[in-house]
């Protein structure tokens, strides 16, 4: 039987552990400018439309891209909550950003499930969710270097690009909404 730590001391230790975890997580965020070749695959948007991934990503707007699955209980809810706050903090500017979340579990993530997931995170019209075939999902994951073999091995990666043809800012780790807004604004300001 484990010894029980009394009230205030236990609360203080729990708080300290949370702070240490937050500091360790913040320290593990990395950023790099990377060029990717978007694969010529077709995906299905949550509205049921079959679309070309290159055309969706190259519509002229800045793009924020991540990979999720709706039954994830760890990484995806955290990154989706960050994107929810990101769009909130941008206010009207959010309408200018194409936010793209691609499912890494297309066999489970139907357009209806993605629509429900989008509602859960208050996704605005600029934040779109995509599914498709397993082959198309894997091709997209591999093209953006996020494929880890199976969904339970995925890692938090957020990609930002200011315009078509420009390099992507690859952010690995758990970023805060404020940091994401700052990265986005710096990316748009850079030549």
N, C-alpha and C. Protein backbone atom coordinates (compact mmCIF):
# COMPACT_ATOMS: atom_id res chain seq x y z
N UNK A 1 0.83 -1.17 0.00
CA UNK A 1 0.00 0.00 0.00
C UNK A 1 0.89 1.24 0.00
N UNK A 2 0.55 2.23 -0.87
CA UNK A 2 1.33 3.46 -0.95
C UNK A 2 0.95 4.40 0.18
N UNK A 3 1.95 5.12 0.73
CA UNK A 3 1.60 6.09 1.76
C UNK A 3 0.84 7.25 1.14
N UNK A 4 -0.10 7.78 1.86
CA UNK A 4 -0.91 8.90 1.39
C UNK A 4 -0.28 10.20 1.85
N UNK A 5 -0.18 11.15 0.92
CA UNK A 5 0.39 12.46 1.25
C UNK A 5 -0.76 13.36 1.69
N UNK A 6 -0.64 13.98 2.87
CA UNK A 6 -1.73 14.81 3.39
C UNK A 6 -2.05 16.02 2.52
N UNK A 7 -3.30 16.49 2.64
CA UNK A 7 -3.95 17.60 1.94
C UNK A 7 -3.08 18.63 1.26
N UNK A 8 -2.61 19.63 1.98
CA UNK A 8 -1.89 20.76 1.38
C UNK A 8 -0.59 20.32 0.73
N UNK A 9 0.13 19.44 1.37
CA UNK A 9 1.38 18.96 0.80
C UNK A 9 1.11 18.21 -0.50
N UNK A 10 0.08 17.37 -0.50
CA UNK A 10 -0.29 16.64 -1.72
C UNK A 10 -0.70 17.58 -2.83
N UNK A 11 -1.48 18.59 -2.51
CA UNK A 11 -1.91 19.58 -3.51
C UNK A 11 -0.71 20.36 -4.04
N UNK A 12 0.21 20.73 -3.14
CA UNK A 12 1.41 21.48 -3.56
C UNK A 12 2.28 20.62 -4.48
N UNK A 13 2.45 19.35 -4.13
CA UNK A 13 3.25 18.46 -4.97
C UNK A 13 2.60 18.24 -6.33
N UNK A 14 1.28 18.11 -6.35
CA UNK A 14 0.56 17.96 -7.60
C UNK A 14 0.73 19.20 -8.47
N UNK A 15 0.60 20.37 -7.87
CA UNK A 15 0.78 21.63 -8.60
C UNK A 15 2.20 21.73 -9.14
N UNK A 16 3.18 21.42 -8.31
CA UNK A 16 4.58 21.48 -8.73
C UNK A 16 4.84 20.52 -9.88
N UNK A 17 4.27 19.33 -9.81
CA UNK A 17 4.43 18.36 -10.89
C UNK A 17 3.83 18.91 -12.19
N UNK A 18 2.67 19.57 -12.08
CA UNK A 18 2.03 20.17 -13.26
C UNK A 18 2.89 21.26 -13.87
N UNK A 19 3.49 22.09 -13.02
CA UNK A 19 4.37 23.17 -13.50
C UNK A 19 5.59 22.56 -14.19
N UNK A 20 6.20 21.55 -13.58
CA UNK A 20 7.36 20.90 -14.19
C UNK A 20 7.00 20.27 -15.53
N UNK A 21 5.83 19.64 -15.61
CA UNK A 21 5.39 19.05 -16.86
C UNK A 21 5.21 20.13 -17.92
N UNK A 22 4.61 21.25 -17.55
CA UNK A 22 4.41 22.35 -18.50
C UNK A 22 5.74 22.91 -18.98
N UNK A 23 6.70 23.07 -18.07
CA UNK A 23 8.01 23.59 -18.45
C UNK A 23 8.72 22.59 -19.36
N UNK A 24 8.65 21.31 -19.01
CA UNK A 24 9.30 20.28 -19.85
C UNK A 24 8.66 20.22 -21.22
N UNK A 25 7.34 20.35 -21.28
CA UNK A 25 6.63 20.32 -22.55
C UNK A 25 7.01 21.53 -23.39
N UNK A 26 7.02 22.72 -22.78
CA UNK A 26 7.38 23.94 -23.50
C UNK A 26 8.80 23.84 -24.04
N UNK A 27 9.69 23.27 -23.25
CA UNK A 27 11.08 23.14 -23.68
C UNK A 27 11.22 22.16 -24.83
N UNK A 28 10.26 21.26 -24.99
CA UNK A 28 10.39 20.25 -26.03
C UNK A 28 9.75 20.66 -27.36
N UNK A 29 9.27 21.90 -27.46
CA UNK A 29 8.71 22.38 -28.72
C UNK A 29 9.87 22.77 -29.63
N UNK A 30 9.82 22.29 -30.87
CA UNK A 30 10.85 22.67 -31.84
C UNK A 30 10.19 23.23 -33.09
N UNK A 31 10.93 24.09 -33.76
CA UNK A 31 10.43 24.73 -34.98
C UNK A 31 11.49 24.61 -36.06
N UNK A 32 11.04 24.38 -37.29
CA UNK A 32 11.96 24.31 -38.42
C UNK A 32 11.22 24.70 -39.70
N UNK A 33 11.92 25.35 -40.60
CA UNK A 33 11.36 25.65 -41.92
C UNK A 33 11.64 24.46 -42.81
N UNK A 34 10.59 23.91 -43.44
CA UNK A 34 10.71 22.69 -44.22
C UNK A 34 9.90 22.82 -45.51
N UNK A 35 10.43 22.27 -46.60
CA UNK A 35 9.69 22.23 -47.86
C UNK A 35 9.10 20.83 -48.03
N UNK A 36 7.85 20.78 -48.44
CA UNK A 36 7.17 19.50 -48.67
C UNK A 36 6.55 19.51 -50.05
N UNK A 37 6.45 18.34 -50.65
CA UNK A 37 5.74 18.16 -51.91
C UNK A 37 4.38 17.55 -51.57
N UNK A 38 3.30 18.30 -51.79
CA UNK A 38 1.96 17.80 -51.49
C UNK A 38 1.60 16.68 -52.46
N UNK A 39 1.18 15.53 -51.95
CA UNK A 39 0.84 14.43 -52.84
C UNK A 39 -0.47 14.70 -53.60
N UNK A 40 -0.54 14.20 -54.79
CA UNK A 40 -1.75 14.37 -55.63
C UNK A 40 -2.78 13.32 -55.23
N UNK A 41 -3.38 13.51 -54.05
CA UNK A 41 -4.40 12.58 -53.55
C UNK A 41 -5.73 13.30 -53.43
N UNK A 42 -6.78 12.52 -53.48
CA UNK A 42 -8.13 13.03 -53.26
C UNK A 42 -8.53 12.69 -51.83
N UNK A 43 -9.13 13.65 -51.16
CA UNK A 43 -9.65 13.45 -49.82
C UNK A 43 -11.14 13.80 -49.82
N UNK A 44 -11.81 13.47 -48.74
CA UNK A 44 -13.23 13.80 -48.61
C UNK A 44 -13.36 14.77 -47.43
N UNK A 45 -13.86 15.96 -47.73
CA UNK A 45 -14.11 16.96 -46.69
C UNK A 45 -15.28 16.52 -45.83
N UNK A 46 -15.36 17.06 -44.63
CA UNK A 46 -16.45 16.71 -43.72
C UNK A 46 -17.82 17.01 -44.32
N UNK A 47 -17.88 17.91 -45.30
CA UNK A 47 -19.17 18.20 -45.95
C UNK A 47 -19.52 17.17 -47.02
N UNK A 48 -18.66 16.14 -47.18
CA UNK A 48 -18.92 15.06 -48.13
C UNK A 48 -18.33 15.28 -49.51
N UNK A 49 -17.77 16.45 -49.77
CA UNK A 49 -17.18 16.76 -51.09
C UNK A 49 -15.83 16.06 -51.25
N UNK A 50 -15.62 15.43 -52.40
CA UNK A 50 -14.33 14.86 -52.74
C UNK A 50 -13.47 15.99 -53.33
N UNK A 51 -12.28 16.17 -52.77
CA UNK A 51 -11.43 17.30 -53.16
C UNK A 51 -9.98 16.86 -53.35
N UNK A 52 -9.26 17.65 -54.13
CA UNK A 52 -7.84 17.43 -54.36
C UNK A 52 -7.06 18.09 -53.22
N UNK A 53 -6.19 17.36 -52.55
CA UNK A 53 -5.40 17.93 -51.47
C UNK A 53 -4.52 19.09 -51.97
N UNK A 54 -3.82 18.96 -53.09
CA UNK A 54 -3.02 20.11 -53.54
C UNK A 54 -3.87 21.36 -53.79
N UNK A 55 -5.04 21.20 -54.35
CA UNK A 55 -5.90 22.37 -54.60
C UNK A 55 -6.40 22.97 -53.29
N UNK A 56 -6.73 22.13 -52.32
CA UNK A 56 -7.20 22.63 -51.03
C UNK A 56 -6.10 23.43 -50.32
N UNK A 57 -4.87 22.96 -50.41
CA UNK A 57 -3.77 23.63 -49.71
C UNK A 57 -3.25 24.85 -50.46
N UNK A 58 -3.52 24.91 -51.76
CA UNK A 58 -2.99 26.01 -52.58
C UNK A 58 -4.07 26.97 -53.04
N UNK A 59 -5.01 27.29 -52.15
CA UNK A 59 -6.10 28.19 -52.55
C UNK A 59 -5.74 29.67 -52.34
N UNK A 60 -4.48 29.96 -52.04
CA UNK A 60 -4.02 31.33 -51.91
C UNK A 60 -3.96 31.84 -50.48
N UNK A 61 -4.65 31.17 -49.56
CA UNK A 61 -4.65 31.61 -48.16
C UNK A 61 -3.48 30.99 -47.40
N UNK A 62 -3.10 31.62 -46.28
CA UNK A 62 -2.18 30.93 -45.37
C UNK A 62 -2.85 29.64 -44.90
N UNK A 63 -2.04 28.62 -44.62
CA UNK A 63 -2.57 27.32 -44.22
C UNK A 63 -1.99 26.91 -42.87
N UNK A 64 -2.85 26.40 -42.02
CA UNK A 64 -2.45 25.74 -40.79
C UNK A 64 -2.91 24.29 -40.96
N UNK A 65 -2.00 23.34 -40.85
CA UNK A 65 -2.29 21.93 -41.12
C UNK A 65 -1.90 21.08 -39.93
N UNK A 66 -2.80 20.15 -39.58
CA UNK A 66 -2.45 19.14 -38.59
C UNK A 66 -3.15 17.83 -38.93
N UNK A 67 -2.79 16.79 -38.21
CA UNK A 67 -3.34 15.45 -38.44
C UNK A 67 -3.94 14.97 -37.12
N UNK A 68 -5.17 14.45 -37.19
CA UNK A 68 -5.91 14.07 -35.99
C UNK A 68 -6.66 12.76 -36.22
N UNK A 69 -7.25 12.23 -35.16
CA UNK A 69 -8.30 11.22 -35.31
C UNK A 69 -9.29 11.41 -34.18
N UNK A 70 -10.56 11.18 -34.49
CA UNK A 70 -11.65 11.58 -33.58
C UNK A 70 -11.74 10.77 -32.30
N UNK A 71 -11.18 9.57 -32.27
CA UNK A 71 -11.25 8.76 -31.05
C UNK A 71 -10.01 8.92 -30.18
N UNK A 72 -9.11 9.77 -30.57
CA UNK A 72 -7.90 10.04 -29.79
C UNK A 72 -8.29 10.67 -28.46
N UNK A 73 -7.65 10.24 -27.39
CA UNK A 73 -7.98 10.79 -26.07
C UNK A 73 -6.80 11.53 -25.45
N UNK A 74 -5.73 11.75 -26.22
CA UNK A 74 -4.57 12.41 -25.62
C UNK A 74 -4.12 13.61 -26.46
N UNK A 75 -3.36 13.37 -27.49
CA UNK A 75 -2.76 14.44 -28.29
C UNK A 75 -3.79 15.26 -29.06
N UNK A 76 -4.70 14.62 -29.75
CA UNK A 76 -5.65 15.32 -30.62
C UNK A 76 -6.55 16.30 -29.89
N UNK A 77 -7.14 15.94 -28.75
CA UNK A 77 -7.95 16.94 -28.05
C UNK A 77 -7.14 18.17 -27.61
N UNK A 78 -5.90 17.95 -27.21
CA UNK A 78 -5.06 19.08 -26.80
C UNK A 78 -4.71 19.98 -27.98
N UNK A 79 -4.31 19.37 -29.09
CA UNK A 79 -3.96 20.20 -30.25
C UNK A 79 -5.20 20.84 -30.86
N UNK A 80 -6.32 20.15 -30.83
CA UNK A 80 -7.56 20.73 -31.36
C UNK A 80 -8.03 21.89 -30.49
N UNK A 81 -7.87 21.78 -29.19
CA UNK A 81 -8.22 22.88 -28.29
C UNK A 81 -7.31 24.08 -28.56
N UNK A 82 -6.04 23.83 -28.84
CA UNK A 82 -5.11 24.91 -29.18
C UNK A 82 -5.56 25.61 -30.46
N UNK A 83 -5.97 24.83 -31.47
CA UNK A 83 -6.45 25.43 -32.71
C UNK A 83 -7.75 26.19 -32.50
N UNK A 84 -8.61 25.68 -31.63
CA UNK A 84 -9.85 26.39 -31.30
C UNK A 84 -9.53 27.76 -30.71
N UNK A 85 -8.60 27.79 -29.78
CA UNK A 85 -8.19 29.06 -29.16
C UNK A 85 -7.47 29.96 -30.16
N UNK A 86 -6.68 29.36 -31.03
CA UNK A 86 -5.98 30.11 -32.08
C UNK A 86 -6.98 30.89 -32.93
N UNK A 87 -8.02 30.21 -33.40
CA UNK A 87 -8.99 30.90 -34.24
C UNK A 87 -9.74 31.97 -33.43
N UNK A 88 -9.99 31.71 -32.16
CA UNK A 88 -10.66 32.70 -31.30
C UNK A 88 -9.77 33.93 -31.12
N UNK A 89 -8.50 33.72 -30.84
CA UNK A 89 -7.58 34.83 -30.61
C UNK A 89 -7.35 35.66 -31.87
N UNK A 90 -7.41 35.02 -33.04
CA UNK A 90 -7.24 35.77 -34.28
C UNK A 90 -8.44 36.65 -34.59
N UNK A 91 -9.60 36.31 -34.05
CA UNK A 91 -10.80 37.11 -34.31
C UNK A 91 -11.13 37.10 -35.80
N UNK A 92 -11.37 38.28 -36.36
CA UNK A 92 -11.74 38.38 -37.78
C UNK A 92 -10.65 37.89 -38.72
N UNK A 93 -9.40 37.98 -38.29
CA UNK A 93 -8.26 37.51 -39.09
C UNK A 93 -8.37 36.00 -39.37
N UNK A 94 -9.06 35.26 -38.50
CA UNK A 94 -9.20 33.81 -38.67
C UNK A 94 -9.85 33.45 -40.00
N UNK A 95 -10.70 34.32 -40.53
CA UNK A 95 -11.37 34.05 -41.80
C UNK A 95 -10.38 33.99 -42.97
N UNK A 96 -9.17 34.50 -42.77
CA UNK A 96 -8.16 34.53 -43.83
C UNK A 96 -7.24 33.30 -43.82
N UNK A 97 -7.38 32.45 -42.80
CA UNK A 97 -6.51 31.29 -42.64
C UNK A 97 -7.28 30.02 -42.96
N UNK A 98 -6.71 29.18 -43.82
CA UNK A 98 -7.33 27.89 -44.11
C UNK A 98 -6.76 26.87 -43.12
N UNK A 99 -7.57 26.47 -42.16
CA UNK A 99 -7.16 25.48 -41.17
C UNK A 99 -7.60 24.10 -41.67
N UNK A 100 -6.64 23.18 -41.73
CA UNK A 100 -6.85 21.87 -42.32
C UNK A 100 -6.47 20.78 -41.32
N UNK A 101 -7.43 19.93 -40.97
CA UNK A 101 -7.17 18.78 -40.10
C UNK A 101 -7.49 17.52 -40.89
N UNK A 102 -6.48 16.69 -41.09
CA UNK A 102 -6.63 15.46 -41.86
C UNK A 102 -6.63 14.26 -40.92
N UNK A 103 -7.60 13.39 -41.09
CA UNK A 103 -7.71 12.20 -40.25
C UNK A 103 -6.62 11.19 -40.57
N UNK A 104 -6.03 10.62 -39.50
CA UNK A 104 -5.09 9.52 -39.67
C UNK A 104 -5.79 8.18 -39.40
N UNK A 105 -7.11 8.23 -39.24
CA UNK A 105 -7.92 7.03 -39.02
C UNK A 105 -9.16 7.09 -39.92
N UNK A 106 -8.95 7.12 -41.24
CA UNK A 106 -10.07 7.32 -42.16
C UNK A 106 -11.10 6.19 -42.14
N UNK A 107 -10.72 5.02 -41.68
CA UNK A 107 -11.69 3.92 -41.62
C UNK A 107 -12.79 4.20 -40.58
N UNK A 108 -12.45 4.93 -39.53
CA UNK A 108 -13.42 5.29 -38.49
C UNK A 108 -13.98 6.70 -38.68
N UNK A 109 -13.14 7.58 -39.19
CA UNK A 109 -13.52 9.00 -39.27
C UNK A 109 -14.27 9.31 -40.56
N UNK A 110 -15.56 9.09 -40.51
CA UNK A 110 -16.45 9.41 -41.62
C UNK A 110 -16.68 10.92 -41.64
N UNK A 111 -17.21 11.46 -42.72
CA UNK A 111 -17.56 12.89 -42.72
C UNK A 111 -18.48 13.26 -41.55
N UNK A 112 -19.43 12.41 -41.20
CA UNK A 112 -20.33 12.70 -40.08
C UNK A 112 -19.57 12.78 -38.76
N UNK A 113 -18.65 11.87 -38.53
CA UNK A 113 -17.85 11.90 -37.29
C UNK A 113 -16.97 13.13 -37.24
N UNK A 114 -16.40 13.50 -38.40
CA UNK A 114 -15.56 14.70 -38.44
C UNK A 114 -16.39 15.96 -38.18
N UNK A 115 -17.61 15.99 -38.70
CA UNK A 115 -18.50 17.13 -38.45
C UNK A 115 -18.80 17.27 -36.97
N UNK A 116 -19.07 16.16 -36.31
CA UNK A 116 -19.32 16.18 -34.87
C UNK A 116 -18.07 16.63 -34.11
N UNK A 117 -16.94 16.14 -34.51
CA UNK A 117 -15.67 16.54 -33.88
C UNK A 117 -15.44 18.04 -34.06
N UNK A 118 -15.71 18.55 -35.25
CA UNK A 118 -15.55 19.98 -35.53
C UNK A 118 -16.45 20.81 -34.61
N UNK A 119 -17.67 20.36 -34.40
CA UNK A 119 -18.60 21.06 -33.49
C UNK A 119 -18.05 21.11 -32.07
N UNK A 120 -17.48 19.99 -31.64
CA UNK A 120 -16.92 19.89 -30.29
C UNK A 120 -15.86 20.96 -30.04
N UNK A 121 -15.11 21.32 -31.09
CA UNK A 121 -14.03 22.29 -30.96
C UNK A 121 -14.38 23.64 -31.59
N UNK A 122 -15.68 23.86 -31.81
CA UNK A 122 -16.19 25.15 -32.31
C UNK A 122 -15.44 25.61 -33.56
N UNK A 123 -15.23 24.69 -34.49
CA UNK A 123 -14.51 25.02 -35.72
C UNK A 123 -15.33 26.00 -36.56
N UNK A 124 -14.69 27.08 -36.94
CA UNK A 124 -15.33 28.04 -37.83
C UNK A 124 -15.29 27.50 -39.25
N UNK A 125 -15.91 28.21 -40.19
CA UNK A 125 -15.98 27.73 -41.58
C UNK A 125 -14.61 27.60 -42.25
N UNK A 126 -13.62 28.31 -41.74
CA UNK A 126 -12.27 28.25 -42.33
C UNK A 126 -11.49 27.02 -41.85
N UNK A 127 -12.01 26.33 -40.83
CA UNK A 127 -11.34 25.14 -40.28
C UNK A 127 -12.06 23.92 -40.83
N UNK A 128 -11.41 23.23 -41.75
CA UNK A 128 -12.04 22.09 -42.41
C UNK A 128 -11.34 20.79 -42.06
N UNK A 129 -12.15 19.73 -42.03
CA UNK A 129 -11.67 18.39 -41.67
C UNK A 129 -11.79 17.48 -42.88
N UNK A 130 -10.83 16.55 -43.01
CA UNK A 130 -10.76 15.70 -44.19
C UNK A 130 -10.54 14.24 -43.79
N UNK A 131 -11.11 13.36 -44.57
CA UNK A 131 -10.90 11.93 -44.44
C UNK A 131 -10.67 11.41 -45.87
N UNK A 132 -10.79 10.13 -46.07
CA UNK A 132 -10.59 9.56 -47.40
C UNK A 132 -10.21 8.10 -47.28
N UNK A 133 -9.46 7.64 -48.24
CA UNK A 133 -9.00 6.25 -48.18
C UNK A 133 -7.79 6.16 -47.25
N UNK A 134 -7.50 4.96 -46.80
CA UNK A 134 -6.31 4.75 -45.99
C UNK A 134 -5.07 5.14 -46.79
N UNK A 135 -5.03 4.74 -48.06
CA UNK A 135 -3.87 5.05 -48.90
C UNK A 135 -3.66 6.56 -49.04
N UNK A 136 -4.74 7.31 -49.21
CA UNK A 136 -4.63 8.77 -49.34
C UNK A 136 -4.15 9.40 -48.03
N UNK A 137 -4.68 8.91 -46.91
CA UNK A 137 -4.27 9.44 -45.60
C UNK A 137 -2.79 9.15 -45.35
N UNK A 138 -2.37 7.93 -45.62
CA UNK A 138 -0.97 7.56 -45.41
C UNK A 138 -0.06 8.37 -46.33
N UNK A 139 -0.46 8.58 -47.58
CA UNK A 139 0.34 9.38 -48.51
C UNK A 139 0.50 10.81 -47.99
N UNK A 140 -0.58 11.39 -47.47
CA UNK A 140 -0.50 12.75 -46.92
C UNK A 140 0.39 12.77 -45.68
N UNK A 141 0.23 11.78 -44.81
CA UNK A 141 1.07 11.72 -43.60
C UNK A 141 2.54 11.59 -43.97
N UNK A 142 2.85 10.72 -44.91
CA UNK A 142 4.25 10.53 -45.32
C UNK A 142 4.81 11.78 -45.97
N UNK A 143 4.02 12.44 -46.80
CA UNK A 143 4.49 13.65 -47.49
C UNK A 143 4.86 14.75 -46.50
N UNK A 144 4.14 14.82 -45.36
CA UNK A 144 4.41 15.86 -44.36
C UNK A 144 5.19 15.30 -43.15
N UNK A 145 5.78 14.13 -43.33
CA UNK A 145 6.64 13.51 -42.34
C UNK A 145 5.99 13.38 -40.96
N UNK A 146 4.74 12.93 -40.94
CA UNK A 146 4.06 12.68 -39.67
C UNK A 146 3.62 11.22 -39.54
N UNK A 147 3.89 10.41 -40.55
CA UNK A 147 3.48 9.01 -40.51
C UNK A 147 4.33 8.26 -39.49
N UNK A 148 3.68 7.58 -38.57
CA UNK A 148 4.38 6.84 -37.52
C UNK A 148 4.00 5.36 -37.49
N UNK A 149 3.39 4.85 -38.56
CA UNK A 149 3.07 3.44 -38.65
C UNK A 149 1.67 3.08 -38.21
N UNK A 150 1.20 3.69 -37.13
CA UNK A 150 -0.17 3.47 -36.66
C UNK A 150 -0.59 4.64 -35.79
N UNK A 151 -1.88 4.82 -35.68
CA UNK A 151 -2.41 6.05 -35.06
C UNK A 151 -1.98 6.26 -33.62
N UNK A 152 -1.78 5.21 -32.87
CA UNK A 152 -1.43 5.38 -31.45
C UNK A 152 0.01 5.87 -31.27
N UNK A 153 0.78 5.92 -32.33
CA UNK A 153 2.17 6.39 -32.25
C UNK A 153 2.34 7.82 -32.74
N UNK A 154 1.24 8.49 -33.05
CA UNK A 154 1.37 9.83 -33.62
C UNK A 154 1.90 10.82 -32.58
N UNK A 155 2.45 11.93 -33.09
CA UNK A 155 3.02 12.97 -32.24
C UNK A 155 2.39 14.31 -32.59
N UNK A 156 2.45 15.28 -31.68
CA UNK A 156 1.86 16.59 -31.98
C UNK A 156 2.73 17.39 -32.95
N UNK A 157 2.19 17.62 -34.14
CA UNK A 157 2.88 18.40 -35.17
C UNK A 157 1.87 19.37 -35.76
N UNK A 158 2.25 20.63 -35.83
CA UNK A 158 1.43 21.66 -36.46
C UNK A 158 2.27 22.28 -37.56
N UNK A 159 1.68 22.46 -38.73
CA UNK A 159 2.40 23.03 -39.86
C UNK A 159 1.71 24.32 -40.29
N UNK A 160 2.52 25.35 -40.54
CA UNK A 160 2.01 26.64 -41.00
C UNK A 160 2.73 27.02 -42.29
N UNK A 161 1.97 27.60 -43.22
CA UNK A 161 2.58 28.12 -44.45
C UNK A 161 1.88 29.42 -44.82
N UNK A 162 2.65 30.44 -45.17
CA UNK A 162 2.06 31.75 -45.46
C UNK A 162 1.38 31.81 -46.82
N UNK A 163 2.00 31.25 -47.85
CA UNK A 163 1.43 31.26 -49.20
C UNK A 163 1.92 30.03 -49.96
N UNK A 164 1.21 29.64 -51.02
CA UNK A 164 1.67 28.51 -51.82
C UNK A 164 3.09 28.75 -52.33
N UNK A 165 3.89 27.70 -52.31
CA UNK A 165 5.27 27.79 -52.79
C UNK A 165 6.28 28.16 -51.72
N UNK A 166 5.82 28.67 -50.60
CA UNK A 166 6.73 29.04 -49.50
C UNK A 166 6.98 27.80 -48.63
N UNK A 167 8.09 27.80 -47.89
CA UNK A 167 8.33 26.69 -46.96
C UNK A 167 7.28 26.67 -45.84
N UNK A 168 7.14 25.52 -45.24
CA UNK A 168 6.25 25.34 -44.10
C UNK A 168 7.05 25.56 -42.81
N UNK A 169 6.40 26.12 -41.81
CA UNK A 169 6.97 26.15 -40.47
C UNK A 169 6.44 24.90 -39.78
N UNK A 170 7.36 24.01 -39.42
CA UNK A 170 7.00 22.77 -38.75
C UNK A 170 7.20 22.96 -37.25
N UNK A 171 6.13 22.82 -36.49
CA UNK A 171 6.17 22.98 -35.04
C UNK A 171 5.90 21.61 -34.43
N UNK A 172 6.89 21.07 -33.74
CA UNK A 172 6.73 19.77 -33.10
C UNK A 172 6.61 19.97 -31.60
N UNK A 173 5.60 19.35 -31.00
CA UNK A 173 5.37 19.47 -29.57
C UNK A 173 4.09 20.23 -29.30
N UNK A 174 3.78 20.39 -28.03
CA UNK A 174 2.56 21.08 -27.62
C UNK A 174 2.85 22.57 -27.50
N UNK A 175 2.26 23.34 -28.38
CA UNK A 175 2.42 24.78 -28.42
C UNK A 175 1.18 25.42 -27.80
N UNK A 176 1.35 26.59 -27.21
CA UNK A 176 0.19 27.29 -26.65
C UNK A 176 -0.50 28.08 -27.76
N UNK A 177 -1.76 28.42 -27.56
CA UNK A 177 -2.45 29.25 -28.56
C UNK A 177 -1.74 30.59 -28.80
N UNK A 178 -1.24 31.21 -27.74
CA UNK A 178 -0.53 32.49 -27.91
C UNK A 178 0.74 32.31 -28.73
N UNK A 179 1.48 31.24 -28.49
CA UNK A 179 2.69 30.97 -29.28
C UNK A 179 2.33 30.72 -30.73
N UNK A 180 1.23 30.02 -30.96
CA UNK A 180 0.81 29.73 -32.33
C UNK A 180 0.41 31.02 -33.06
N UNK A 181 -0.31 31.90 -32.39
CA UNK A 181 -0.66 33.19 -32.99
C UNK A 181 0.61 33.97 -33.31
N UNK A 182 1.57 33.98 -32.38
CA UNK A 182 2.83 34.68 -32.58
C UNK A 182 3.58 34.11 -33.78
N UNK A 183 3.68 32.78 -33.87
CA UNK A 183 4.35 32.14 -35.00
C UNK A 183 3.66 32.49 -36.32
N UNK A 184 2.34 32.48 -36.31
CA UNK A 184 1.56 32.80 -37.50
C UNK A 184 1.84 34.24 -37.95
N UNK A 185 1.80 35.18 -37.01
CA UNK A 185 2.03 36.58 -37.35
C UNK A 185 3.45 36.81 -37.85
N UNK A 186 4.42 36.17 -37.25
CA UNK A 186 5.82 36.29 -37.70
C UNK A 186 5.96 35.71 -39.11
N UNK A 187 5.30 34.58 -39.35
CA UNK A 187 5.38 33.94 -40.67
C UNK A 187 4.81 34.86 -41.76
N UNK A 188 3.69 35.50 -41.47
CA UNK A 188 3.09 36.41 -42.45
C UNK A 188 3.94 37.66 -42.67
N UNK A 189 4.64 38.09 -41.64
CA UNK A 189 5.47 39.30 -41.73
C UNK A 189 6.80 39.07 -42.44
N UNK A 190 7.24 37.80 -42.50
CA UNK A 190 8.54 37.52 -43.13
C UNK A 190 8.45 37.59 -44.64
N UNK A 191 9.54 38.07 -45.28
CA UNK A 191 9.51 38.22 -46.76
C UNK A 191 9.48 36.90 -47.50
